[in-house]
Amino acid sequence: MDVSIPRSTDLVLLTFEKNPLDSSSGFTITDARVIGSTQPCFGVIKPGGSLRQAVNCLMKYGFEVEGKGSSTSVSGFILLQRSDSTDDY
């Protein structure tokens, strides 16, 4: 009888901001909190990094957006979760 233990859920909370003086600037990460693993995206999730690049990487590897919101007109947060039990990364 094969018994497997499911992998725990991975959670990532990113806070971000945009330069209000530059309308062409993208959102940058101001802080990141991780429960579990962000592999293989660990290198792109850092303060000052591109929010778009981090979210695209996370979603490519099985994360889904669970919640998002604005703190102000130029800042906000996004919560992503991966509960996939496969280890294809």
PDB file of N, CA and C in Angstrom:
ATOM      1  N   MET A   1       0.843  -1.174   0.000  1.00  0.00           N
ATOM      2  CA  MET A   1       0.000   0.000   0.000  1.00  0.00           C
ATOM      3  C   MET A   1       0.891   1.241   0.000  1.00  0.00           C
ATOM      4  N   ASP A   2       0.721   2.082  -1.007  1.00  0.00           N
ATOM      5  CA  ASP A   2       1.485   3.320  -1.080  1.00  0.00           C
ATOM      6  C   ASP A   2       0.816   4.387  -0.233  1.00  0.00           C
ATOM      7  N   VAL A   3       1.613   4.985   0.625  1.00  0.00           N
ATOM      8  CA  VAL A   3       1.125   6.077   1.457  1.00  0.00           C
ATOM      9  C   VAL A   3       2.023   7.272   1.201  1.00  0.00           C
ATOM     10  N   SER A   4       1.413   8.388   0.884  1.00  0.00           N
ATOM     11  CA  SER A   4       2.211   9.599   0.677  1.00  0.00           C
ATOM     12  C   SER A   4       1.704  10.696   1.588  1.00  0.00           C
ATOM     13  N   ILE A   5       2.641  11.497   2.012  1.00  0.00           N
ATOM     14  CA  ILE A   5       2.296  12.637   2.853  1.00  0.00           C
ATOM     15  C   ILE A   5       2.223  13.858   1.944  1.00  0.00           C
ATOM     16  N   PRO A   6       1.083  14.522   1.893  1.00  0.00           N
ATOM     17  CA  PRO A   6       0.966  15.695   1.016  1.00  0.00           C
ATOM     18  C   PRO A   6       1.891  16.814   1.472  1.00  0.00           C
ATOM     19  N   ARG A   7       2.404  17.526   0.502  1.00  0.00           N
ATOM     20  CA  ARG A   7       3.260  18.665   0.800  1.00  0.00           C
ATOM     21  C   ARG A   7       2.407  19.775   1.406  1.00  0.00           C
ATOM     22  N   SER A   8       3.002  20.528   2.302  1.00  0.00           N
ATOM     23  CA  SER A   8       2.246  21.609   2.938  1.00  0.00           C
ATOM     24  C   SER A   8       1.997  22.752   1.953  1.00  0.00           C
ATOM     25  N   THR A   9       1.050  23.579   2.303  1.00  0.00           N
ATOM     26  CA  THR A   9       0.705  24.726   1.484  1.00  0.00           C
ATOM     27  C   THR A   9       1.796  25.781   1.569  1.00  0.00           C
ATOM     28  N   ASP A  10       2.136  26.387   0.437  1.00  0.00           N
ATOM     29  CA  ASP A  10       3.083  27.492   0.388  1.00  0.00           C
ATOM     30  C   ASP A  10       2.291  28.791   0.251  1.00  0.00           C
ATOM     31  N   LEU A  11       2.622  29.785   1.070  1.00  0.00           N
ATOM     32  CA  LEU A  11       1.961  31.088   1.032  1.00  0.00           C
ATOM     33  C   LEU A  11       2.999  32.191   0.855  1.00  0.00           C
ATOM     34  N   VAL A  12       2.646  33.189   0.050  1.00  0.00           N
ATOM     35  CA  VAL A  12       3.514  34.344  -0.157  1.00  0.00           C
ATOM     36  C   VAL A  12       2.659  35.605  -0.059  1.00  0.00           C
ATOM     37  N   LEU A  13       3.057  36.507   0.818  1.00  0.00           N
ATOM     38  CA  LEU A  13       2.405  37.810   0.944  1.00  0.00           C
ATOM     39  C   LEU A  13       3.398  38.861   0.479  1.00  0.00           C
ATOM     40  N   LEU A  14       3.048  39.584  -0.570  1.00  0.00           N
ATOM     41  CA  LEU A  14       3.900  40.633  -1.108  1.00  0.00           C
ATOM     42  C   LEU A  14       3.228  41.978  -0.887  1.00  0.00           C
ATOM     43  N   THR A  15       3.971  42.933  -0.360  1.00  0.00           N
ATOM     44  CA  THR A  15       3.494  44.308  -0.327  1.00  0.00           C
ATOM     45  C   THR A  15       4.284  45.077  -1.373  1.00  0.00           C
ATOM     46  N   PHE A  16       3.637  46.053  -1.975  1.00  0.00           N
ATOM     47  CA  PHE A  16       4.273  46.739  -3.097  1.00  0.00           C
ATOM     48  C   PHE A  16       3.878  48.205  -3.126  1.00  0.00           C
ATOM     49  N   GLU A  17       4.661  48.976  -3.895  1.00  0.00           N
ATOM     50  CA  GLU A  17       4.354  50.392  -4.086  1.00  0.00           C
ATOM     51  C   GLU A  17       4.800  50.820  -5.470  1.00  0.00           C
ATOM     52  N   LYS A  18       4.291  51.969  -5.880  1.00  0.00           N
ATOM     53  CA  LYS A  18       4.629  52.561  -7.170  1.00  0.00           C
ATOM     54  C   LYS A  18       5.075  53.990  -6.913  1.00  0.00           C
ATOM     55  N   ASN A  19       6.041  54.453  -7.679  1.00  0.00           N
ATOM     56  CA  ASN A  19       6.507  55.834  -7.548  1.00  0.00           C
ATOM     57  C   ASN A  19       5.404  56.766  -8.046  1.00  0.00           C
ATOM     58  N   PRO A  20       4.812  57.583  -7.162  1.00  0.00           N
ATOM     59  CA  PRO A  20       3.707  58.450  -7.589  1.00  0.00           C
ATOM     60  C   PRO A  20       4.149  59.603  -8.493  1.00  0.00           C
ATOM     61  N   LEU A  21       5.441  59.857  -8.544  1.00  0.00           N
ATOM     62  CA  LEU A  21       5.948  60.950  -9.380  1.00  0.00           C
ATOM     63  C   LEU A  21       6.290  60.506 -10.791  1.00  0.00           C
ATOM     64  N   ASP A  22       6.267  59.187 -11.044  1.00  0.00           N
ATOM     65  CA  ASP A  22       6.613  58.643 -12.360  1.00  0.00           C
ATOM     66  C   ASP A  22       5.490  57.707 -12.811  1.00  0.00           C
ATOM     67  N   SER A  23       4.610  58.195 -13.662  1.00  0.00           N
ATOM     68  CA  SER A  23       3.446  57.406 -14.079  1.00  0.00           C
ATOM     69  C   SER A  23       3.825  56.171 -14.889  1.00  0.00           C
ATOM     70  N   SER A  24       5.033  56.125 -15.431  1.00  0.00           N
ATOM     71  CA  SER A  24       5.441  54.965 -16.223  1.00  0.00           C
ATOM     72  C   SER A  24       6.149  53.906 -15.384  1.00  0.00           C
ATOM     73  N   SER A  25       6.367  54.182 -14.108  1.00  0.00           N
ATOM     74  CA  SER A  25       7.072  53.208 -13.275  1.00  0.00           C
ATOM     75  C   SER A  25       6.146  52.041 -12.934  1.00  0.00           C
ATOM     76  N   GLY A  26       6.746  50.888 -12.783  1.00  0.00           N
ATOM     77  CA  GLY A  26       5.988  49.700 -12.388  1.00  0.00           C
ATOM     78  C   GLY A  26       5.958  49.574 -10.872  1.00  0.00           C
ATOM     79  N   PHE A  27       5.197  48.618 -10.390  1.00  0.00           N
ATOM     80  CA  PHE A  27       5.135  48.360  -8.960  1.00  0.00           C
ATOM     81  C   PHE A  27       6.373  47.592  -8.522  1.00  0.00           C
ATOM     82  N   THR A  28       6.927  47.980  -7.386  1.00  0.00           N
ATOM     83  CA  THR A  28       8.075  47.282  -6.830  1.00  0.00           C
ATOM     84  C   THR A  28       7.699  46.682  -5.480  1.00  0.00           C
ATOM     85  N   ILE A  29       8.345  45.596  -5.155  1.00  0.00           N
ATOM     86  CA  ILE A  29       8.097  44.905  -3.893  1.00  0.00           C
ATOM     87  C   ILE A  29       8.733  45.700  -2.761  1.00  0.00           C
ATOM     88  N   THR A  30       7.969  45.941  -1.703  1.00  0.00           N
ATOM     89  CA  THR A  30       8.525  46.602  -0.525  1.00  0.00           C
ATOM     90  C   THR A  30       8.830  45.608   0.585  1.00  0.00           C
ATOM     91  N   ASP A  31       8.082  44.499   0.625  1.00  0.00           N
ATOM     92  CA  ASP A  31       8.323  43.463   1.631  1.00  0.00           C
ATOM     93  C   ASP A  31       7.705  42.162   1.149  1.00  0.00           C
ATOM     94  N   ALA A  32       8.265  41.062   1.621  1.00  0.00           N
ATOM     95  CA  ALA A  32       7.744  39.737   1.269  1.00  0.00           C
ATOM     96  C   ALA A  32       7.777  38.852   2.504  1.00  0.00           C
ATOM     97  N   ARG A  33       6.703  38.133   2.711  1.00  0.00           N
ATOM     98  CA  ARG A  33       6.621  37.155   3.796  1.00  0.00           C
ATOM     99  C   ARG A  33       6.262  35.816   3.172  1.00  0.00           C
ATOM    100  N   VAL A  34       7.003  34.785   3.554  1.00  0.00           N
ATOM    101  CA  VAL A  34       6.833  33.461   2.952  1.00  0.00           C
ATOM    102  C   VAL A  34       6.604  32.429   4.041  1.00  0.00           C
ATOM    103  N   ILE A  35       5.603  31.599   3.846  1.00  0.00           N
ATOM    104  CA  ILE A  35       5.407  30.407   4.658  1.00  0.00           C
ATOM    105  C   ILE A  35       5.543  29.242   3.688  1.00  0.00           C
ATOM    106  N   GLY A  36       6.512  28.402   3.921  1.00  0.00           N
ATOM    107  CA  GLY A  36       6.771  27.295   3.010  1.00  0.00           C
ATOM    108  C   GLY A  36       7.906  27.644   2.065  1.00  0.00           C
ATOM    109  N   SER A  37       7.678  27.429   0.786  1.00  0.00           N
ATOM    110  CA  SER A  37       8.724  27.604  -0.213  1.00  0.00           C
ATOM    111  C   SER A  37       8.230  28.427  -1.393  1.00  0.00           C
ATOM    112  N   THR A  38       9.147  29.162  -1.999  1.00  0.00           N
ATOM    113  CA  THR A  38       8.836  29.887  -3.234  1.00  0.00           C
ATOM    114  C   THR A  38       9.675  29.346  -4.392  1.00  0.00           C
ATOM    115  N   GLN A  39      10.329  28.212  -4.188  1.00  0.00           N
ATOM    116  CA  GLN A  39      11.188  27.653  -5.233  1.00  0.00           C
ATOM    117  C   GLN A  39      10.387  27.370  -6.481  1.00  0.00           C
ATOM    118  N   PRO A  40      10.903  27.666  -7.629  1.00  0.00           N
ATOM    119  CA  PRO A  40      12.238  28.169  -7.952  1.00  0.00           C
ATOM    120  C   PRO A  40      12.288  29.691  -8.096  1.00  0.00           C
ATOM    121  N   CYS A  41      11.357  30.403  -7.509  1.00  0.00           N
ATOM    122  CA  CYS A  41      11.241  31.862  -7.703  1.00  0.00           C
ATOM    123  C   CYS A  41      11.913  32.672  -6.609  1.00  0.00           C
ATOM    124  N   PHE A  42      12.650  32.035  -5.729  1.00  0.00           N
ATOM    125  CA  PHE A  42      13.229  32.713  -4.573  1.00  0.00           C
ATOM    126  C   PHE A  42      14.021  33.959  -4.968  1.00  0.00           C
ATOM    127  N   GLY A  43      14.793  33.894  -6.033  1.00  0.00           N
ATOM    128  CA  GLY A  43      15.661  34.998  -6.428  1.00  0.00           C
ATOM    129  C   GLY A  43      14.952  36.255  -6.903  1.00  0.00           C
ATOM    130  N   VAL A  44      13.713  36.153  -7.354  1.00  0.00           N
ATOM    131  CA  VAL A  44      13.002  37.338  -7.861  1.00  0.00           C
ATOM    132  C   VAL A  44      12.092  37.980  -6.819  1.00  0.00           C
ATOM    133  N   ILE A  45      11.992  37.364  -5.657  1.00  0.00           N
ATOM    134  CA  ILE A  45      11.125  37.897  -4.604  1.00  0.00           C
ATOM    135  C   ILE A  45      12.007  38.607  -3.587  1.00  0.00           C
ATOM    136  N   LYS A  46      12.195  39.916  -3.806  1.00  0.00           N
ATOM    137  CA  LYS A  46      13.063  40.698  -2.926  1.00  0.00           C
ATOM    138  C   LYS A  46      12.621  42.151  -2.942  1.00  0.00           C
ATOM    139  N   PRO A  47      12.830  42.845  -1.827  1.00  0.00           N
ATOM    140  CA  PRO A  47      12.503  44.269  -1.804  1.00  0.00           C
ATOM    141  C   PRO A  47      13.229  45.015  -2.924  1.00  0.00           C
ATOM    142  N   GLY A  48      12.483  45.874  -3.611  1.00  0.00           N
ATOM    143  CA  GLY A  48      13.027  46.607  -4.751  1.00  0.00           C
ATOM    144  C   GLY A  48      12.870  45.884  -6.067  1.00  0.00           C
ATOM    145  N   GLY A  49      12.482  44.626  -6.012  1.00  0.00           N
ATOM    146  CA  GLY A  49      12.292  43.837  -7.227  1.00  0.00           C
ATOM    147  C   GLY A  49      10.957  44.123  -7.880  1.00  0.00           C
ATOM    148  N   SER A  50      10.810  43.664  -9.089  1.00  0.00           N
ATOM    149  CA  SER A  50       9.591  43.865  -9.866  1.00  0.00           C
ATOM    150  C   SER A  50       8.457  42.973  -9.360  1.00  0.00           C
ATOM    151  N   LEU A  51       7.332  43.588  -9.030  1.00  0.00           N
ATOM    152  CA  LEU A  51       6.157  42.820  -8.613  1.00  0.00           C
ATOM    153  C   LEU A  51       5.675  41.937  -9.752  1.00  0.00           C
ATOM    154  N   ARG A  52       5.629  42.472 -10.948  1.00  0.00           N
ATOM    155  CA  ARG A  52       5.142  41.708 -12.103  1.00  0.00           C
ATOM    156  C   ARG A  52       5.995  40.469 -12.339  1.00  0.00           C
ATOM    157  N   GLN A  53       7.307  40.613 -12.286  1.00  0.00           N
ATOM    158  CA  GLN A  53       8.204  39.484 -12.511  1.00  0.00           C
ATOM    159  C   GLN A  53       8.001  38.417 -11.434  1.00  0.00           C
ATOM    160  N   ALA A  54       7.877  38.827 -10.182  1.00  0.00           N
ATOM    161  CA  ALA A  54       7.687  37.874  -9.085  1.00  0.00           C
ATOM    162  C   ALA A  54       6.362  37.129  -9.217  1.00  0.00           C
ATOM    163  N   VAL A  55       5.282  37.857  -9.472  1.00  0.00           N
ATOM    164  CA  VAL A  55       3.961  37.219  -9.590  1.00  0.00           C
ATOM    165  C   VAL A  55       3.922  36.289 -10.795  1.00  0.00           C
ATOM    166  N   ASN A  56       4.482  36.706 -11.918  1.00  0.00           N
ATOM    167  CA  ASN A  56       4.503  35.836 -13.097  1.00  0.00           C
ATOM    168  C   ASN A  56       5.254  34.542 -12.820  1.00  0.00           C
ATOM    169  N   CYS A  57       6.396  34.625 -12.132  1.00  0.00           N
ATOM    170  CA  CYS A  57       7.159  33.430 -11.797  1.00  0.00           C
ATOM    171  C   CYS A  57       6.360  32.519 -10.871  1.00  0.00           C
ATOM    172  N   LEU A  58       5.794  33.087  -9.820  1.00  0.00           N
ATOM    173  CA  LEU A  58       5.026  32.283  -8.864  1.00  0.00           C
ATOM    174  C   LEU A  58       3.852  31.582  -9.546  1.00  0.00           C
ATOM    175  N   MET A  59       3.134  32.289 -10.393  1.00  0.00           N
ATOM    176  CA  MET A  59       1.979  31.686 -11.063  1.00  0.00           C
ATOM    177  C   MET A  59       2.416  30.601 -12.047  1.00  0.00           C
ATOM    178  N   LYS A  60       3.559  30.773 -12.660  1.00  0.00           N
ATOM    179  CA  LYS A  60       4.100  29.752 -13.571  1.00  0.00           C
ATOM    180  C   LYS A  60       4.339  28.438 -12.834  1.00  0.00           C
ATOM    181  N   TYR A  61       4.673  28.530 -11.559  1.00  0.00           N
ATOM    182  CA  TYR A  61       4.986  27.341 -10.774  1.00  0.00           C
ATOM    183  C   TYR A  61       3.887  26.971  -9.786  1.00  0.00           C
ATOM    184  N   GLY A  62       2.649  27.241 -10.136  1.00  0.00           N
ATOM    185  CA  GLY A  62       1.519  26.685  -9.411  1.00  0.00           C
ATOM    186  C   GLY A  62       0.867  27.553  -8.353  1.00  0.00           C
ATOM    187  N   PHE A  63       1.345  28.768  -8.147  1.00  0.00           N
ATOM    188  CA  PHE A  63       0.693  29.646  -7.183  1.00  0.00           C
ATOM    189  C   PHE A  63      -0.547  30.270  -7.808  1.00  0.00           C
ATOM    190  N   GLU A  64      -1.519  30.544  -6.980  1.00  0.00           N
ATOM    191  CA  GLU A  64      -2.728  31.248  -7.405  1.00  0.00           C
ATOM    192  C   GLU A  64      -2.952  32.440  -6.485  1.00  0.00           C
ATOM    193  N   VAL A  65      -3.514  33.508  -7.030  1.00  0.00           N
ATOM    194  CA  VAL A  65      -3.817  34.695  -6.239  1.00  0.00           C
ATOM    195  C   VAL A  65      -5.037  34.391  -5.376  1.00  0.00           C
ATOM    196  N   GLU A  66      -4.874  34.534  -4.068  1.00  0.00           N
ATOM    197  CA  GLU A  66      -5.961  34.293  -3.120  1.00  0.00           C
ATOM    198  C   GLU A  66      -6.593  35.595  -2.640  1.00  0.00           C
ATOM    199  N   GLY A  67      -5.841  36.680  -2.720  1.00  0.00           N
ATOM    200  CA  GLY A  67      -6.372  37.966  -2.290  1.00  0.00           C
ATOM    201  C   GLY A  67      -5.436  39.079  -2.694  1.00  0.00           C
ATOM    202  N   LYS A  68      -6.012  40.253  -2.886  1.00  0.00           N
ATOM    203  CA  LYS A  68      -5.205  41.429  -3.207  1.00  0.00           C
ATOM    204  C   LYS A  68      -6.005  42.663  -2.857  1.00  0.00           C
ATOM    205  N   GLY A  69      -5.283  43.748  -2.649  1.00  0.00           N
ATOM    206  CA  GLY A  69      -5.963  44.980  -2.297  1.00  0.00           C
ATOM    207  C   GLY A  69      -5.019  46.153  -2.297  1.00  0.00           C
ATOM    208  N   SER A  70      -5.589  47.323  -2.171  1.00  0.00           N
ATOM    209  CA  SER A  70      -4.819  48.557  -2.131  1.00  0.00           C
ATOM    210  C   SER A  70      -4.772  49.090  -0.719  1.00  0.00           C
ATOM    211  N   SER A  71      -3.597  49.540  -0.327  1.00  0.00           N
ATOM    212  CA  SER A  71      -3.447  50.232   0.959  1.00  0.00           C
ATOM    213  C   SER A  71      -3.656  51.718   0.748  1.00  0.00           C
ATOM    214  N   THR A  72      -3.090  52.225  -0.353  1.00  0.00           N
ATOM    215  CA  THR A  72      -3.252  53.617  -0.773  1.00  0.00           C
ATOM    216  C   THR A  72      -3.374  53.594  -2.293  1.00  0.00           C
ATOM    217  N   SER A  73      -3.391  54.748  -2.917  1.00  0.00           N
ATOM    218  CA  SER A  73      -3.492  54.781  -4.377  1.00  0.00           C
ATOM    219  C   SER A  73      -2.203  54.322  -5.055  1.00  0.00           C
ATOM    220  N   VAL A  74      -1.107  54.221  -4.308  1.00  0.00           N
ATOM    221  CA  VAL A  74       0.166  53.808  -4.910  1.00  0.00           C
ATOM    222  C   VAL A  74       0.792  52.601  -4.202  1.00  0.00           C
ATOM    223  N   SER A  75       0.060  51.945  -3.316  1.00  0.00           N
ATOM    224  CA  SER A  75       0.607  50.777  -2.628  1.00  0.00           C
ATOM    225  C   SER A  75      -0.482  49.754  -2.369  1.00  0.00           C
ATOM    226  N   GLY A  76      -0.054  48.525  -2.119  1.00  0.00           N
ATOM    227  CA  GLY A  76      -1.028  47.473  -1.868  1.00  0.00           C
ATOM    228  C   GLY A  76      -0.365  46.172  -1.470  1.00  0.00           C
ATOM    229  N   PHE A  77      -1.143  45.098  -1.548  1.00  0.00           N
ATOM    230  CA  PHE A  77      -0.642  43.776  -1.175  1.00  0.00           C
ATOM    231  C   PHE A  77      -1.263  42.729  -2.082  1.00  0.00           C
ATOM    232  N   ILE A  78      -0.602  41.576  -2.147  1.00  0.00           N
ATOM    233  CA  ILE A  78      -1.134  40.434  -2.886  1.00  0.00           C
ATOM    234  C   ILE A  78      -0.732  39.173  -2.128  1.00  0.00           C
ATOM    235  N   LEU A  79      -1.670  38.254  -1.961  1.00  0.00           N
ATOM    236  CA  LEU A  79      -1.441  36.984  -1.284  1.00  0.00           C
ATOM    237  C   LEU A  79      -1.580  35.863  -2.304  1.00  0.00           C
ATOM    238  N   LEU A  80      -0.562  35.026  -2.395  1.00  0.00           N
ATOM    239  CA  LEU A  80      -0.575  33.903  -3.325  1.00  0.00           C
ATOM    240  C   LEU A  80      -0.398  32.607  -2.555  1.00  0.00           C
ATOM    241  N   GLN A  81      -1.020  31.526  -3.071  1.00  0.00           N
ATOM    242  CA  GLN A  81      -0.964  30.224  -2.406  1.00  0.00           C
ATOM    243  C   GLN A  81      -0.686  29.136  -3.423  1.00  0.00           C
ATOM    244  N   ARG A  82       0.154  28.177  -3.015  1.00  0.00           N
ATOM    245  CA  ARG A  82       0.384  26.979  -3.826  1.00  0.00           C
ATOM    246  C   ARG A  82       0.141  25.785  -2.920  1.00  0.00           C
ATOM    247  N   SER A  83      -0.821  24.977  -3.280  1.00  0.00           N
ATOM    248  CA  SER A  83      -1.093  23.787  -2.486  1.00  0.00           C
ATOM    249  C   SER A  83      -0.974  22.529  -3.330  1.00  0.00           C
ATOM    250  N   ASP A  84      -0.401  22.659  -4.491  1.00  0.00           N
ATOM    251  CA  ASP A  84      -0.194  21.532  -5.396  1.00  0.00           C
ATOM    252  C   ASP A  84       0.715  20.523  -4.713  1.00  0.00           C
ATOM    253  N   SER A  85       0.350  19.276  -4.755  1.00  0.00           N
ATOM    254  CA  SER A  85       1.143  18.256  -4.084  1.00  0.00           C
ATOM    255  C   SER A  85       2.261  17.694  -4.963  1.00  0.00           C
ATOM    256  N   THR A  86       2.410  18.205  -6.168  1.00  0.00           N
ATOM    257  CA  THR A  86       3.486  17.710  -7.021  1.00  0.00           C
ATOM    258  C   THR A  86       4.755  18.498  -6.769  1.00  0.00           C
ATOM    259  N   ASP A  87       5.856  17.885  -7.072  1.00  0.00           N
ATOM    260  CA  ASP A  87       7.148  18.518  -6.870  1.00  0.00           C
ATOM    261  C   ASP A  87       7.839  18.728  -8.207  1.00  0.00           C
ATOM    262  N   ASP A  88       7.126  19.230  -9.205  1.00  0.00           N
ATOM    263  CA  ASP A  88       7.663  19.411 -10.547  1.00  0.00           C
ATOM    264  C   ASP A  88       8.333  20.750 -10.727  1.00  0.00           C
ATOM    265  N   TYR A  89       9.203  21.118  -9.828  1.00  0.00           N
ATOM    266  CA  TYR A  89       9.914  22.385  -9.975  1.00  0.00           C
ATOM    267  C   TYR A  89      11.306  22.299  -9.492  1.00  0.00           C
TER     268      TYR A  89
END
